[in-house]
PDB file of N, CA and C in Angstrom:
ATOM      1  N   MET A   1       0.639  -1.026  -0.148  1.00  0.00           N
ATOM      2  CA  MET A   1       0.229  -0.149   0.157  1.00  0.00           C
ATOM      3  C   MET A   1       0.681   1.162  -0.259  1.00  0.00           C
ATOM      4  N   LEU A   2       1.970   1.051   0.303  1.00  0.00           N
ATOM      5  CA  LEU A   2       2.559   2.372   0.869  1.00  0.00           C
ATOM      6  C   LEU A   2       3.144   2.243  -1.162  1.00  0.00           C
ATOM      7  N   ASP A   3       2.977   1.834  -1.825  1.00  0.00           N
ATOM      8  CA  ASP A   3       4.051   2.145  -3.424  1.00  0.00           C
ATOM      9  C   ASP A   3       2.573   3.267  -3.285  1.00  0.00           C
ATOM     10  N   MET A   4       1.547   3.544  -3.645  1.00  0.00           N
ATOM     11  CA  MET A   4       0.264   4.839  -3.507  1.00  0.00           C
ATOM     12  C   MET A   4       1.450   5.906  -2.575  1.00  0.00           C
ATOM     13  N   PHE A   5       2.205   6.117  -2.007  1.00  0.00           N
ATOM     14  CA  PHE A   5       3.051   7.397  -2.121  1.00  0.00           C
ATOM     15  C   PHE A   5       4.579   7.386  -2.971  1.00  0.00           C
ATOM     16  N   GLU A   6       4.733   7.127  -3.776  1.00  0.00           N
ATOM     17  CA  GLU A   6       6.062   7.302  -4.544  1.00  0.00           C
ATOM     18  C   GLU A   6       5.471   8.242  -5.008  1.00  0.00           C
ATOM     19  N   GLY A   7       7.325   9.131  -4.789  1.00  0.00           N
ATOM     20  CA  GLY A   7       6.629  10.120  -6.079  1.00  0.00           C
ATOM     21  C   GLY A   7       6.926  11.577  -4.745  1.00  0.00           C
ATOM     22  N   CYS A   8       6.706  11.176  -2.785  1.00  0.00           N
ATOM     23  CA  CYS A   8       5.872  12.760  -2.521  1.00  0.00           C
ATOM     24  C   CYS A   8       7.604  12.732  -1.953  1.00  0.00           C
ATOM     25  N   GLU A   9       7.404  14.419  -2.494  1.00  0.00           N
ATOM     26  CA  GLU A   9       8.081  14.933  -1.577  1.00  0.00           C
ATOM     27  C   GLU A   9       8.732  15.749  -0.612  1.00  0.00           C
ATOM     28  N   ASP A  10       7.203  15.007  -0.103  1.00  0.00           N
ATOM     29  CA  ASP A  10       7.113  15.870   1.168  1.00  0.00           C
ATOM     30  C   ASP A  10       5.380  15.045   2.525  1.00  0.00           C
ATOM     31  N   LYS A  11       5.671  16.582   3.738  1.00  0.00           N
ATOM     32  CA  LYS A  11       4.171  15.752   3.979  1.00  0.00           C
ATOM     33  C   LYS A  11       3.043  15.897   3.014  1.00  0.00           C
ATOM     34  N   GLY A  12       3.446  17.765   3.068  1.00  0.00           N
ATOM     35  CA  GLY A  12       2.259  17.800   2.061  1.00  0.00           C
ATOM     36  C   GLY A  12       1.523  16.676   1.119  1.00  0.00           C
ATOM     37  N   ASP A  13       2.698  16.058   0.583  1.00  0.00           N
ATOM     38  CA  ASP A  13       2.135  15.579  -0.773  1.00  0.00           C
ATOM     39  C   ASP A  13       1.528  14.273  -0.133  1.00  0.00           C
ATOM     40  N   ILE A  14       1.935  13.582   0.497  1.00  0.00           N
ATOM     41  CA  ILE A  14       1.224  13.075   2.285  1.00  0.00           C
ATOM     42  C   ILE A  14       0.525  12.745   1.892  1.00  0.00           C
ATOM     43  N   THR A  15      -0.102  13.944   2.984  1.00  0.00           N
ATOM     44  CA  THR A  15      -1.681  14.079   3.462  1.00  0.00           C
ATOM     45  C   THR A  15      -2.558  13.852   2.646  1.00  0.00           C
ATOM     46  N   ASN A  16      -2.176  15.254   0.816  1.00  0.00           N
ATOM     47  CA  ASN A  16      -2.905  15.453  -0.292  1.00  0.00           C
ATOM     48  C   ASN A  16      -3.745  13.576  -0.550  1.00  0.00           C
ATOM     49  N   ILE A  17      -2.444  12.675  -0.275  1.00  0.00           N
ATOM     50  CA  ILE A  17      -3.009  11.164  -1.194  1.00  0.00           C
ATOM     51  C   ILE A  17      -3.944  10.650  -0.182  1.00  0.00           C
ATOM     52  N   ILE A  18      -3.570  10.993   1.393  1.00  0.00           N
ATOM     53  CA  ILE A  18      -4.070  10.321   2.625  1.00  0.00           C
ATOM     54  C   ILE A  18      -5.916  10.890   2.788  1.00  0.00           C
ATOM     55  N   GLU A  19      -5.740  12.252   2.105  1.00  0.00           N
ATOM     56  CA  GLU A  19      -6.907  12.667   2.808  1.00  0.00           C
ATOM     57  C   GLU A  19      -7.756  11.786   1.512  1.00  0.00           C
ATOM     58  N   ASP A  20      -7.213  12.145  -0.589  1.00  0.00           N
ATOM     59  CA  ASP A  20      -8.578  11.466  -1.438  1.00  0.00           C
ATOM     60  C   ASP A  20      -8.548  10.049  -1.332  1.00  0.00           C
ATOM     61  N   TYR A  21      -7.266   9.694  -0.071  1.00  0.00           N
ATOM     62  CA  TYR A  21      -7.804   7.726   0.207  1.00  0.00           C
ATOM     63  C   TYR A  21      -8.793   7.358   0.278  1.00  0.00           C
ATOM     64  N   ILE A  22      -9.235   9.021   1.958  1.00  0.00           N
ATOM     65  CA  ILE A  22      -9.813   8.264   2.677  1.00  0.00           C
ATOM     66  C   ILE A  22     -11.665   9.163   1.838  1.00  0.00           C
ATOM     67  N   LYS A  23     -11.179   9.882   1.712  1.00  0.00           N
ATOM     68  CA  LYS A  23     -12.407  10.908   1.411  1.00  0.00           C
ATOM     69  C   LYS A  23     -13.480   9.952   0.075  1.00  0.00           C
ATOM     70  N   ASN A  24     -11.750   9.490  -0.983  1.00  0.00           N
ATOM     71  CA  ASN A  24     -12.339   8.536  -2.279  1.00  0.00           C
ATOM     72  C   ASN A  24     -13.611   6.913  -1.554  1.00  0.00           C
ATOM     73  N   TYR A  25     -12.675   6.948  -0.747  1.00  0.00           N
ATOM     74  CA  TYR A  25     -13.328   5.265   0.583  1.00  0.00           C
ATOM     75  C   TYR A  25     -14.868   5.458   0.438  1.00  0.00           C
ATOM     76  N   VAL A  26     -14.918   6.798   1.499  1.00  0.00           N
ATOM     77  CA  VAL A  26     -15.974   6.738   2.033  1.00  0.00           C
ATOM     78  C   VAL A  26     -17.454   7.535   1.224  1.00  0.00           C
ATOM     79  N   GLU A  27     -16.748   8.143   0.756  1.00  0.00           N
ATOM     80  CA  GLU A  27     -18.159   8.047  -1.100  1.00  0.00           C
ATOM     81  C   GLU A  27     -18.088   6.209  -1.403  1.00  0.00           C
ATOM     82  N   GLU A  28     -17.308   5.974  -1.803  1.00  0.00           N
ATOM     83  CA  GLU A  28     -17.920   4.156  -2.023  1.00  0.00           C
ATOM     84  C   GLU A  28     -18.530   3.422  -1.412  1.00  0.00           C
ATOM     85  N   PHE A  29     -18.239   3.614   0.117  1.00  0.00           N
ATOM     86  CA  PHE A  29     -18.675   3.087   1.250  1.00  0.00           C
ATOM     87  C   PHE A  29     -20.979   3.006   1.112  1.00  0.00           C
ATOM     88  N   VAL A  30     -19.837   4.807   1.110  1.00  0.00           N
ATOM     89  CA  VAL A  30     -21.640   5.343   1.658  1.00  0.00           C
ATOM     90  C   VAL A  30     -23.044   4.942   0.510  1.00  0.00           C
ATOM     91  N   GLU A  31     -22.058   5.007  -0.928  1.00  0.00           N
ATOM     92  CA  GLU A  31     -23.167   5.200  -2.554  1.00  0.00           C
ATOM     93  C   GLU A  31     -23.326   3.640  -2.765  1.00  0.00           C
ATOM     94  N   TYR A  32     -21.974   2.390  -2.336  1.00  0.00           N
ATOM     95  CA  TYR A  32     -22.474   1.230  -2.397  1.00  0.00           C
ATOM     96  C   TYR A  32     -23.052   0.434  -1.251  1.00  0.00           C
ATOM     97  N   SER A  33     -23.224   1.394  -0.149  1.00  0.00           N
ATOM     98  CA  SER A  33     -24.502   0.888   1.079  1.00  0.00           C
ATOM     99  C   SER A  33     -25.845   1.228   0.317  1.00  0.00           C
ATOM    100  N   LEU A  34     -25.481   2.126  -0.054  1.00  0.00           N
ATOM    101  CA  LEU A  34     -27.124   3.074  -0.431  1.00  0.00           C
ATOM    102  C   LEU A  34     -27.546   2.048  -1.141  1.00  0.00           C
ATOM    103  N   ALA A  35     -26.801   2.025  -2.182  1.00  0.00           N
ATOM    104  CA  ALA A  35     -27.036   0.579  -3.191  1.00  0.00           C
ATOM    105  C   ALA A  35     -27.801  -0.324  -2.893  1.00  0.00           C
ATOM    106  N   LEU A  36     -27.376  -1.275  -1.647  1.00  0.00           N
ATOM    107  CA  LEU A  36     -27.661  -2.303  -1.654  1.00  0.00           C
ATOM    108  C   LEU A  36     -29.069  -2.257  -0.608  1.00  0.00           C
ATOM    109  N   GLY A  37     -29.571  -1.362  -0.163  1.00  0.00           N
ATOM    110  CA  GLY A  37     -30.541  -0.283   0.646  1.00  0.00           C
ATOM    111  C   GLY A  37     -31.382  -0.015   0.629  1.00  0.00           C
ATOM    112  N   ASP A  38     -31.315   0.626  -1.423  1.00  0.00           N
ATOM    113  CA  ASP A  38     -32.921   0.764  -1.885  1.00  0.00           C
ATOM    114  C   ASP A  38     -32.687   2.078  -0.713  1.00  0.00           C
ATOM    115  N   ALA A  39     -31.493   2.450  -0.506  1.00  0.00           N
ATOM    116  CA  ALA A  39     -32.006   3.929   0.248  1.00  0.00           C
ATOM    117  C   ALA A  39     -32.055   5.127  -1.172  1.00  0.00           C
ATOM    118  N   HIS A  40     -33.502   5.903  -0.560  1.00  0.00           N
ATOM    119  CA  HIS A  40     -33.780   7.717  -1.798  1.00  0.00           C
ATOM    120  C   HIS A  40     -34.042   8.236  -0.792  1.00  0.00           C
ATOM    121  N   GLY A  41     -33.719   9.399  -1.830  1.00  0.00           N
ATOM    122  CA  GLY A  41     -34.306  10.159  -0.882  1.00  0.00           C
ATOM    123  C   GLY A  41     -34.163  10.947   0.094  1.00  0.00           C
ATOM    124  N   PHE A  42     -34.497  11.561   1.682  1.00  0.00           N
ATOM    125  CA  PHE A  42     -34.388  12.187   2.050  1.00  0.00           C
ATOM    126  C   PHE A  42     -32.557  11.545   2.624  1.00  0.00           C
ATOM    127  N   ILE A  43     -32.703  10.116   2.845  1.00  0.00           N
ATOM    128  CA  ILE A  43     -31.600   9.395   3.555  1.00  0.00           C
ATOM    129  C   ILE A  43     -30.532   9.597   2.450  1.00  0.00           C
ATOM    130  N   HIS A  44     -31.187   9.269   1.358  1.00  0.00           N
ATOM    131  CA  HIS A  44     -29.742   9.417   0.665  1.00  0.00           C
ATOM    132  C   HIS A  44     -28.609  11.301   0.812  1.00  0.00           C
ATOM    133  N   ASP A  45     -30.153  11.991   0.799  1.00  0.00           N
ATOM    134  CA  ASP A  45     -29.675  13.743   0.728  1.00  0.00           C
ATOM    135  C   ASP A  45     -29.079  13.579   2.775  1.00  0.00           C
ATOM    136  N   MET A  46     -29.765  12.990   3.580  1.00  0.00           N
ATOM    137  CA  MET A  46     -28.509  13.501   4.976  1.00  0.00           C
ATOM    138  C   MET A  46     -27.334  12.675   4.709  1.00  0.00           C
ATOM    139  N   LEU A  47     -27.185  11.195   4.580  1.00  0.00           N
ATOM    140  CA  LEU A  47     -26.170  10.696   3.761  1.00  0.00           C
ATOM    141  C   LEU A  47     -24.972  11.832   3.310  1.00  0.00           C
ATOM    142  N   ASN A  48     -25.123  12.492   2.208  1.00  0.00           N
ATOM    143  CA  ASN A  48     -24.317  13.462   1.376  1.00  0.00           C
ATOM    144  C   ASN A  48     -24.226  14.771   2.297  1.00  0.00           C
ATOM    145  N   SER A  49     -24.820  15.310   2.720  1.00  0.00           N
ATOM    146  CA  SER A  49     -24.406  16.819   3.911  1.00  0.00           C
ATOM    147  C   SER A  49     -23.802  15.812   4.413  1.00  0.00           C
ATOM    148  N   ALA A  50     -24.172  15.249   5.362  1.00  0.00           N
ATOM    149  CA  ALA A  50     -23.572  14.747   6.365  1.00  0.00           C
ATOM    150  C   ALA A  50     -21.510  14.536   6.159  1.00  0.00           C
ATOM    151  N   ILE A  51     -21.797  13.730   4.961  1.00  0.00           N
ATOM    152  CA  ILE A  51     -20.313  13.509   3.629  1.00  0.00           C
ATOM    153  C   ILE A  51     -19.656  14.925   4.019  1.00  0.00           C
ATOM    154  N   GLN A  52     -20.093  16.233   2.830  1.00  0.00           N
ATOM    155  CA  GLN A  52     -19.878  17.012   2.712  1.00  0.00           C
ATOM    156  C   GLN A  52     -19.122  17.917   3.804  1.00  0.00           C
ATOM    157  N   GLU A  53     -19.510  17.676   5.800  1.00  0.00           N
ATOM    158  CA  GLU A  53     -18.678  18.251   6.541  1.00  0.00           C
ATOM    159  C   GLU A  53     -17.884  18.079   7.288  1.00  0.00           C
ATOM    160  N   ILE A  54     -17.465  16.529   6.751  1.00  0.00           N
ATOM    161  CA  ILE A  54     -16.504  15.941   7.047  1.00  0.00           C
ATOM    162  C   ILE A  54     -15.266  16.235   6.821  1.00  0.00           C
ATOM    163  N   ASP A  55     -14.165  17.275   7.196  1.00  0.00           N
ATOM    164  CA  ASP A  55     -12.968  17.675   7.362  1.00  0.00           C
ATOM    165  C   ASP A  55     -11.558  16.419   6.800  1.00  0.00           C
ATOM    166  N   PHE A  56     -11.808  16.061   6.044  1.00  0.00           N
ATOM    167  CA  PHE A  56     -10.873  15.077   5.365  1.00  0.00           C
ATOM    168  C   PHE A  56      -9.427  15.006   5.413  1.00  0.00           C
ATOM    169  N   ARG A  57      -9.372  16.622   5.312  1.00  0.00           N
ATOM    170  CA  ARG A  57      -7.564  17.194   5.962  1.00  0.00           C
ATOM    171  C   ARG A  57      -7.447  16.322   6.754  1.00  0.00           C
ATOM    172  N   ASP A  58      -8.532  17.535   8.055  1.00  0.00           N
ATOM    173  CA  ASP A  58      -7.901  17.253   9.481  1.00  0.00           C
ATOM    174  C   ASP A  58      -7.814  15.672   9.563  1.00  0.00           C
ATOM    175  N   ILE A  59      -8.418  14.809   9.115  1.00  0.00           N
ATOM    176  CA  ILE A  59      -7.992  13.120  10.076  1.00  0.00           C
ATOM    177  C   ILE A  59      -6.904  12.601   8.902  1.00  0.00           C
ATOM    178  N   ALA A  60      -6.335  13.043   7.507  1.00  0.00           N
ATOM    179  CA  ALA A  60      -5.472  12.343   7.018  1.00  0.00           C
ATOM    180  C   ALA A  60      -4.497  13.471   7.737  1.00  0.00           C
ATOM    181  N   GLU A  61      -4.530  14.896   8.340  1.00  0.00           N
ATOM    182  CA  GLU A  61      -2.742  14.998   9.048  1.00  0.00           C
ATOM    183  C   GLU A  61      -3.498  14.430   9.924  1.00  0.00           C
ATOM    184  N   HIS A  62      -3.651  12.992  10.729  1.00  0.00           N
ATOM    185  CA  HIS A  62      -3.645  12.257  11.878  1.00  0.00           C
ATOM    186  C   HIS A  62      -2.701  10.882  11.867  1.00  0.00           C
ATOM    187  N   TYR A  63      -2.195  10.857  10.452  1.00  0.00           N
ATOM    188  CA  TYR A  63      -1.482   9.477   9.859  1.00  0.00           C
ATOM    189  C   TYR A  63      -0.541  10.021   8.612  1.00  0.00           C
ATOM    190  N   VAL A  64      -0.129  11.509   8.510  1.00  0.00           N
ATOM    191  CA  VAL A  64       0.617  11.725   7.885  1.00  0.00           C
ATOM    192  C   VAL A  64       2.057  11.516   8.965  1.00  0.00           C
ATOM    193  N   ASP A  65       2.303  12.000   9.986  1.00  0.00           N
ATOM    194  CA  ASP A  65       3.241  11.249  10.408  1.00  0.00           C
ATOM    195  C   ASP A  65       4.116   9.398  10.648  1.00  0.00           C
ATOM    196  N   ASP A  66       2.775   9.454  10.547  1.00  0.00           N
ATOM    197  CA  ASP A  66       2.881   7.160  10.792  1.00  0.00           C
ATOM    198  C   ASP A  66       3.604   6.978   9.678  1.00  0.00           C
ATOM    199  N   VAL A  67       2.365   7.452   8.071  1.00  0.00           N
ATOM    200  CA  VAL A  67       2.998   7.235   6.665  1.00  0.00           C
ATOM    201  C   VAL A  67       4.485   7.468   6.549  1.00  0.00           C
ATOM    202  N   ALA A  68       5.036   9.009   7.336  1.00  0.00           N
ATOM    203  CA  ALA A  68       6.156   9.265   7.105  1.00  0.00           C
ATOM    204  C   ALA A  68       7.210   8.544   7.267  1.00  0.00           C
ATOM    205  N   ASP A  69       6.816   8.220   8.782  1.00  0.00           N
ATOM    206  CA  ASP A  69       7.751   7.158   9.433  1.00  0.00           C
ATOM    207  C   ASP A  69       7.913   5.673   8.346  1.00  0.00           C
ATOM    208  N   GLU A  70       7.042   5.254   8.686  1.00  0.00           N
ATOM    209  CA  GLU A  70       6.985   4.010   7.925  1.00  0.00           C
ATOM    210  C   GLU A  70       7.862   3.699   6.143  1.00  0.00           C
ATOM    211  N   LEU A  71       7.861   5.520   5.806  1.00  0.00           N
ATOM    212  CA  LEU A  71       8.418   5.189   4.111  1.00  0.00           C
ATOM    213  C   LEU A  71      10.001   5.173   4.371  1.00  0.00           C
ATOM    214  N   GLU A  72      10.003   6.315   5.178  1.00  0.00           N
ATOM    215  CA  GLU A  72      11.285   6.794   5.686  1.00  0.00           C
ATOM    216  C   GLU A  72      11.876   5.101   6.846  1.00  0.00           C
ATOM    217  N   SER A  73      10.923   4.741   7.388  1.00  0.00           N
ATOM    218  CA  SER A  73      11.764   3.616   7.728  1.00  0.00           C
ATOM    219  C   SER A  73      11.994   1.801   6.090  1.00  0.00           C
ATOM    220  N   ASN A  74      11.188   1.983   5.418  1.00  0.00           N
ATOM    221  CA  ASN A  74      12.085   1.152   4.113  1.00  0.00           C
ATOM    222  C   ASN A  74      12.468   2.124   3.705  1.00  0.00           C
ATOM    223  N   ASN A  75      12.567   3.276   3.458  1.00  0.00           N
ATOM    224  CA  ASN A  75      14.049   3.916   2.658  1.00  0.00           C
ATOM    225  C   ASN A  75      15.250   3.490   3.446  1.00  0.00           C
ATOM    226  N   THR A  76      15.203   3.337   4.329  1.00  0.00           N
ATOM    227  CA  THR A  76      16.285   2.805   4.163  1.00  0.00           C
ATOM    228  C   THR A  76      16.823   1.510   4.866  1.00  0.00           C
ATOM    229  N   GLU A  77      15.903   0.776   5.247  1.00  0.00           N
ATOM    230  CA  GLU A  77      16.334  -1.155   4.397  1.00  0.00           C
ATOM    231  C   GLU A  77      16.682  -1.093   3.538  1.00  0.00           C
ATOM    232  N   GLU A  78      15.640   0.084   2.574  1.00  0.00           N
ATOM    233  CA  GLU A  78      16.808  -0.878   1.228  1.00  0.00           C
ATOM    234  C   GLU A  78      17.844  -0.261   0.898  1.00  0.00           C
ATOM    235  N   ASN A  79      17.853   0.710   1.688  1.00  0.00           N
ATOM    236  CA  ASN A  79      19.360   1.505   1.079  1.00  0.00           C
ATOM    237  C   ASN A  79      20.566   0.235   1.698  1.00  0.00           C
ATOM    238  N   GLU A  80      19.873   0.037   2.840  1.00  0.00           N
ATOM    239  CA  GLU A  80      21.305  -0.988   3.842  1.00  0.00           C
ATOM    240  C   GLU A  80      21.377  -1.978   2.733  1.00  0.00           C
ATOM    241  N   ILE A  81      20.019  -2.675   2.065  1.00  0.00           N
ATOM    242  CA  ILE A  81      20.856  -3.769   1.811  1.00  0.00           C
ATOM    243  C   ILE A  81      21.237  -3.207   0.187  1.00  0.00           C
ATOM    244  N   GLU A  82      21.164  -2.299  -0.128  1.00  0.00           N
ATOM    245  CA  GLU A  82      21.863  -1.814  -1.308  1.00  0.00           C
ATOM    246  C   GLU A  82      23.320  -1.481  -0.922  1.00  0.00           C
ATOM    247  N   MET A  83      23.675  -1.403   0.139  1.00  0.00           N
ATOM    248  CA  MET A  83      24.710  -0.999   0.977  1.00  0.00           C
ATOM    249  C   MET A  83      25.962  -1.547   1.085  1.00  0.00           C
ATOM    250  N   TYR A  84      24.940  -3.412   1.315  1.00  0.00           N
ATOM    251  CA  TYR A  84      25.707  -4.219   1.560  1.00  0.00           C
ATOM    252  C   TYR A  84      25.363  -5.847   0.854  1.00  0.00           C
ATOM    253  N   PRO A  85      25.529  -5.520  -0.310  1.00  0.00           N
ATOM    254  CA  PRO A  85      25.324  -6.803  -1.334  1.00  0.00           C
ATOM    255  C   PRO A  85      25.903  -8.052  -0.432  1.00  0.00           C
ATOM    256  N   VAL A  86      25.487  -9.114  -1.242  1.00  0.00           N
ATOM    257  CA  VAL A  86      25.259 -10.112  -0.652  1.00  0.00           C
ATOM    258  C   VAL A  86      26.078 -10.975  -1.682  1.00  0.00           C
ATOM    259  N   ASP A  87      27.031 -11.303  -1.707  1.00  0.00           N
ATOM    260  CA  ASP A  87      27.906 -12.379  -2.390  1.00  0.00           C
ATOM    261  C   ASP A  87      27.116 -13.427  -2.698  1.00  0.00           C
ATOM    262  N   LYS A  88      27.004 -14.322  -3.473  1.00  0.00           N
ATOM    263  CA  LYS A  88      26.305 -15.825  -3.090  1.00  0.00           C
ATOM    264  C   LYS A  88      27.656 -16.499  -3.378  1.00  0.00           C
ATOM    265  N   ASP A  89      27.769 -16.098  -4.624  1.00  0.00           N
ATOM    266  CA  ASP A  89      29.259 -17.441  -4.514  1.00  0.00           C
ATOM    267  C   ASP A  89      30.291 -17.020  -3.477  1.00  0.00           C
ATOM    268  N   ALA A  90      30.770 -16.192  -2.609  1.00  0.00           N
ATOM    269  CA  ALA A  90      31.044 -16.603  -1.821  1.00  0.00           C
ATOM    270  C   ALA A  90      30.412 -16.537  -0.333  1.00  0.00           C
ATOM    271  N   LEU A  91      28.913 -17.002  -0.029  1.00  0.00           N
ATOM    272  CA  LEU A  91      28.620 -18.030   0.723  1.00  0.00           C
ATOM    273  C   LEU A  91      28.605 -19.428   0.530  1.00  0.00           C
ATOM    274  N   ALA A  92      28.312 -19.693  -0.763  1.00  0.00           N
ATOM    275  CA  ALA A  92      28.893 -21.421  -0.871  1.00  0.00           C
ATOM    276  C   ALA A  92      30.589 -21.854   0.249  1.00  0.00           C
ATOM    277  N   PHE A  93      31.156 -21.272  -0.127  1.00  0.00           N
ATOM    278  CA  PHE A  93      32.476 -21.641  -0.255  1.00  0.00           C
ATOM    279  C   PHE A  93      32.360 -21.493   2.332  1.00  0.00           C
ATOM    280  N   ALA A  94      31.881 -20.698   2.949  1.00  0.00           N
ATOM    281  CA  ALA A  94      31.439 -20.686   4.297  1.00  0.00           C
ATOM    282  C   ALA A  94      30.780 -21.969   4.603  1.00  0.00           C
TER     283      ALA A  94
END
């Protein structure tokens, strides 16, 4: 899932991606739920109105540090692996 953050240059980029992801997830879930329940009219309007009031940016800001730390951790692990390549022939003689 972290591959969705490739090319992010700072926490602002990460926040934007998280915000869009959460918003799309909520909207798709509501549409799917409404389609299953055949909700029309008033209930549909109420849910759409409530979604409009959600501050997805604020929610995303609660996750950005965790994602940034995870990305940094993965980058560090990849760099360590590249810095110390394993010579398979040397291991065969050990």
